[in-house]
């Protein structure tokens, strides 16, 4: 079987909907918990797909969280080797940083379900599967685009929501993986952040239920298209 390793920063921010989809497509999935597991003990050269998941820390917080340096070096090596790499939220920001781009605060939180605007560059990519579909946004930082790379999607709050490096790396600022059926874990785990941001938990819970069917279908189409093009 092919192998997929996901670097996880919070237990409930896992592969979510992507896990079963990867298993159905012949991947055996494993987790590496950042700051706990030793990345040097994993043979990433023989890993078919690396997924770097999200988390509530900053992509440039090396001083506070030294393990980020190890993640960044791993991502750089993966990009140089042109091996399949998927970054989500923090993971996408780390990919941008590995390519020399800056990650900075938006001075506002983007939290909740909402649509993406697929750019002209994104129309002929797997991102087109998300056109007209509300996805989960949950971030306060944003990445600048690496040199020579175009945005594939954006929102009115954050213009850079996705980019690709050829066919082997995909960076998504939003949470395509988050399972709407498990949104309660997010609501509890991020309760303090939600309170500070003034987000209505009941509205977020309701929107998760409403978006679930279309989001699952779109996630499946996006992953199928991206894996097929690698």
Protein backbone atom coordinates (compact mmCIF):
# COMPACT_ATOMS: atom_id res chain seq x y z
CA UNK A 1 0.00 0.00 0.00
CA UNK A 2 0.99 3.60 -0.48
CA UNK A 3 1.73 5.58 2.67
CA UNK A 4 0.51 8.98 3.80
CA UNK A 5 1.95 10.65 6.89
CA UNK A 6 0.16 13.60 8.48
CA UNK A 7 1.97 15.99 10.82
CA UNK A 8 -0.62 16.91 13.44
CA UNK A 9 -0.51 19.87 15.85
CA UNK A 10 -3.79 19.24 17.71
CA UNK A 11 -5.40 15.83 18.17
CA UNK A 12 -8.81 16.91 16.88
CA UNK A 13 -7.34 18.79 13.88
CA UNK A 14 -6.56 15.56 12.07
CA UNK A 15 -7.12 14.32 8.52
CA UNK A 16 -10.87 14.44 9.10
CA UNK A 17 -12.72 13.74 5.86
CA UNK A 18 -9.45 13.17 4.02
CA UNK A 19 -8.57 10.07 6.07
CA UNK A 20 -11.25 7.71 4.71
CA UNK A 21 -10.82 9.13 1.21
CA UNK A 22 -7.10 8.38 1.26
CA UNK A 23 -7.73 4.88 2.60
CA UNK A 24 -10.21 4.23 -0.20
CA UNK A 25 -7.52 5.24 -2.68
CA UNK A 26 -4.95 2.79 -1.41
CA UNK A 27 -3.12 4.88 1.19
CA UNK A 28 -2.28 3.65 4.65
CA UNK A 29 -2.34 6.74 6.88
CA UNK A 30 -0.13 7.51 9.87
CA UNK A 31 0.18 10.47 12.23
CA UNK A 32 3.23 12.26 13.53
CA UNK A 33 2.44 14.57 16.45
CA UNK A 34 4.48 17.79 16.24
CA UNK A 35 6.60 18.48 19.28
CA UNK A 36 6.13 14.94 20.54
CA UNK A 37 7.29 12.55 17.82
CA UNK A 38 10.85 12.71 16.50
CA UNK A 39 10.68 13.57 12.79
CA UNK A 40 14.22 12.25 12.28
CA UNK A 41 13.03 8.72 13.04
CA UNK A 42 10.61 8.64 10.11
CA UNK A 43 11.86 7.66 6.67
CA UNK A 44 10.13 10.43 4.76
CA UNK A 45 11.98 9.50 1.56
CA UNK A 46 9.69 6.49 1.30
CA UNK A 47 6.49 8.32 2.24
CA UNK A 48 4.23 8.69 -0.78
CA UNK A 49 2.29 11.68 0.56
CA UNK A 50 3.08 14.14 3.35
CA UNK A 51 0.25 16.21 4.81
CA UNK A 52 1.03 19.10 7.17
CA UNK A 53 -2.11 19.96 9.12
CA UNK A 54 -3.30 23.10 10.89
CA UNK A 55 -2.92 24.40 14.41
CA UNK A 56 -3.36 27.54 16.53
CA UNK A 57 0.29 28.64 16.52
CA UNK A 58 2.07 31.00 14.16
CA UNK A 59 4.13 29.68 11.26
CA UNK A 60 7.01 31.95 12.31
CA UNK A 61 6.89 31.17 16.04
CA UNK A 62 10.18 29.23 15.98
CA UNK A 63 11.37 30.72 19.26
CA UNK A 64 8.27 29.63 21.14
CA UNK A 65 7.90 26.31 19.31
CA UNK A 66 11.35 25.08 18.16
CA UNK A 67 9.89 21.99 16.47
CA UNK A 68 8.66 24.28 13.69
CA UNK A 69 12.25 24.49 12.43
CA UNK A 70 12.29 20.72 11.92
CA UNK A 71 8.96 20.88 10.09
CA UNK A 72 10.21 23.71 7.91
CA UNK A 73 13.37 21.80 6.99
CA UNK A 74 11.32 18.72 6.17
CA UNK A 75 9.00 20.74 3.94
CA UNK A 76 11.96 22.32 2.16
CA UNK A 77 13.44 18.90 1.49
CA UNK A 78 10.10 17.61 0.26
CA UNK A 79 9.71 20.54 -2.13
CA UNK A 80 13.25 20.17 -3.46
CA UNK A 81 12.62 16.46 -4.11
CA UNK A 82 9.29 17.31 -5.80
CA UNK A 83 7.45 14.73 -3.73
CA UNK A 84 3.71 14.97 -3.00
CA UNK A 85 2.94 17.47 -0.26
CA UNK A 86 -0.34 18.91 1.02
CA UNK A 87 -0.45 21.79 3.50
CA UNK A 88 -3.59 22.94 5.30
CA UNK A 89 -3.84 26.25 7.21
CA UNK A 90 -0.63 26.29 9.29
CA UNK A 91 0.74 23.67 6.91
CA UNK A 92 0.07 25.94 3.93
CA UNK A 93 1.74 28.84 5.71
CA UNK A 94 4.81 26.70 6.38
CA UNK A 95 5.00 25.74 2.71
CA UNK A 96 4.85 29.43 1.78
CA UNK A 97 7.57 30.21 4.29
CA UNK A 98 9.73 27.34 3.00
CA UNK A 99 9.50 28.98 -0.42
CA UNK A 100 10.69 32.33 0.93
CA UNK A 101 7.32 34.04 1.41
CA UNK A 102 6.25 35.95 4.50
CA UNK A 103 3.48 34.90 6.88
CA UNK A 104 1.79 37.75 8.75
CA UNK A 105 -1.23 38.69 10.80
CA UNK A 106 -4.40 39.84 9.05
CA UNK A 107 -5.36 41.85 12.17
CA UNK A 108 -8.74 40.16 11.95
CA UNK A 109 -10.04 36.61 12.35
CA UNK A 110 -11.67 34.77 9.47
CA UNK A 111 -13.73 32.06 11.18
CA UNK A 112 -16.79 30.36 9.74
CA UNK A 113 -18.16 28.74 6.61
CA UNK A 114 -18.03 30.81 3.46
CA UNK A 115 -17.34 30.58 -0.28
CA UNK A 116 -14.07 30.95 -2.11
CA UNK A 117 -13.50 33.00 -5.20
CA UNK A 118 -11.65 30.74 -7.62
CA UNK A 119 -9.14 32.85 -9.55
CA UNK A 120 -8.44 32.68 -13.26
CA UNK A 121 -5.32 30.65 -12.44
CA UNK A 122 -7.39 28.26 -10.33
CA UNK A 123 -10.11 27.45 -12.84
CA UNK A 124 -8.14 24.70 -14.55
CA UNK A 125 -6.93 23.14 -11.30
CA UNK A 126 -8.52 20.79 -8.74
CA UNK A 127 -9.64 23.91 -6.82
CA UNK A 128 -12.49 24.34 -9.30
CA UNK A 129 -14.27 21.57 -7.36
CA UNK A 130 -14.85 24.14 -4.61
CA UNK A 131 -16.53 26.76 -6.79
CA UNK A 132 -19.78 27.79 -5.12
CA UNK A 133 -19.12 25.60 -2.07
CA UNK A 134 -18.81 26.99 1.45
CA UNK A 135 -15.62 25.83 3.17
CA UNK A 136 -14.43 26.25 6.74
CA UNK A 137 -12.17 29.24 7.35
CA UNK A 138 -10.36 29.43 10.69
CA UNK A 139 -7.30 31.66 10.81
CA UNK A 140 -5.91 35.04 11.76
CA UNK A 141 -2.67 34.89 9.75
CA UNK A 142 -2.13 34.82 6.02
CA UNK A 143 0.72 33.92 3.70
CA UNK A 144 2.19 36.06 0.96
CA UNK A 145 2.56 34.26 -2.35
CA UNK A 146 5.97 32.77 -3.07
CA UNK A 147 7.82 34.35 -6.00
CA UNK A 148 6.41 33.34 -9.38
CA UNK A 149 3.35 31.57 -7.93
CA UNK A 150 -0.25 32.66 -8.45
CA UNK A 151 -3.18 32.47 -6.05
CA UNK A 152 -5.74 29.82 -6.99
CA UNK A 153 -8.47 31.06 -4.66
CA UNK A 154 -9.24 33.86 -2.24
CA UNK A 155 -11.89 35.61 -0.16
CA UNK A 156 -12.73 39.25 0.48
CA UNK A 157 -10.83 39.06 3.78
CA UNK A 158 -7.86 36.99 2.60
CA UNK A 159 -6.92 37.16 -1.07
CA UNK A 160 -4.35 34.34 -0.91
CA UNK A 161 -6.20 31.16 0.04
CA UNK A 162 -4.48 28.54 -2.09
CA UNK A 163 -1.49 27.95 -4.33
CA UNK A 164 0.23 25.03 -5.99
CA UNK A 165 3.81 24.17 -6.82
CA UNK A 166 3.60 22.38 -10.14
CA UNK A 167 1.62 19.17 -9.56
CA UNK A 168 3.36 17.93 -6.44
CA UNK A 169 2.52 20.48 -3.73
CA UNK A 170 -0.78 22.09 -2.78
CA UNK A 171 -1.23 24.72 -0.06
CA UNK A 172 -4.72 25.47 1.27
CA UNK A 173 -5.33 28.21 3.85
CA UNK A 174 -8.86 26.93 4.57
CA UNK A 175 -9.88 23.64 6.19
CA UNK A 176 -11.06 21.30 3.46
CA UNK A 177 -10.38 18.37 5.79
CA UNK A 178 -12.58 19.41 8.75
CA UNK A 179 -15.42 16.91 9.18
CA UNK A 180 -18.72 18.79 9.77
CA UNK A 181 -19.95 15.82 11.83
CA UNK A 182 -17.11 16.48 14.28
CA UNK A 183 -17.39 20.26 14.45
CA UNK A 184 -18.18 20.02 18.17
CA UNK A 185 -14.56 19.10 18.85
CA UNK A 186 -13.47 22.32 17.16
CA UNK A 187 -16.05 24.36 19.05
CA UNK A 188 -14.87 23.00 22.40
CA UNK A 189 -11.15 22.97 21.60
CA UNK A 190 -11.17 26.56 20.35
CA UNK A 191 -13.81 27.91 22.75
CA UNK A 192 -11.58 30.71 24.05
CA UNK A 193 -10.61 31.90 20.56
CA UNK A 194 -14.24 31.84 19.43
CA UNK A 195 -15.29 33.89 22.44
CA UNK A 196 -12.58 36.50 21.85
CA UNK A 197 -13.50 36.72 18.15
CA UNK A 198 -17.20 37.14 18.94
CA UNK A 199 -18.20 34.12 16.87
CA UNK A 200 -21.67 32.71 17.55
CA UNK A 201 -21.08 29.02 18.26
CA UNK A 202 -24.69 28.07 17.49
CA UNK A 203 -24.45 29.66 14.03
CA UNK A 204 -21.18 27.86 13.29
CA UNK A 205 -22.70 24.55 14.39
CA UNK A 206 -25.76 25.12 12.20
CA UNK A 207 -23.67 26.09 9.18
CA UNK A 208 -21.62 22.90 9.57
CA UNK A 209 -24.79 20.81 9.27
CA UNK A 210 -26.01 22.80 6.27
CA UNK A 211 -22.78 22.61 4.31
CA UNK A 212 -21.91 18.96 5.06
CA UNK A 213 -23.32 17.21 1.95
CA UNK A 214 -21.87 19.59 -0.66
CA UNK A 215 -18.59 19.94 1.22
CA UNK A 216 -18.06 16.16 1.37
CA UNK A 217 -18.70 15.86 -2.35
CA UNK A 218 -16.40 18.77 -3.17
CA UNK A 219 -13.64 17.41 -0.92
CA UNK A 220 -13.84 14.07 -2.72
CA UNK A 221 -13.64 15.67 -6.16
CA UNK A 222 -10.75 17.92 -5.18
CA UNK A 223 -8.71 15.07 -3.70
CA UNK A 224 -9.41 12.75 -6.65
CA UNK A 225 -8.36 15.40 -9.14
CA UNK A 226 -5.21 16.34 -7.25
CA UNK A 227 -4.07 12.75 -6.71
CA UNK A 228 -4.73 11.96 -10.37
CA UNK A 229 -2.59 14.87 -11.47
CA UNK A 230 0.41 14.17 -9.24
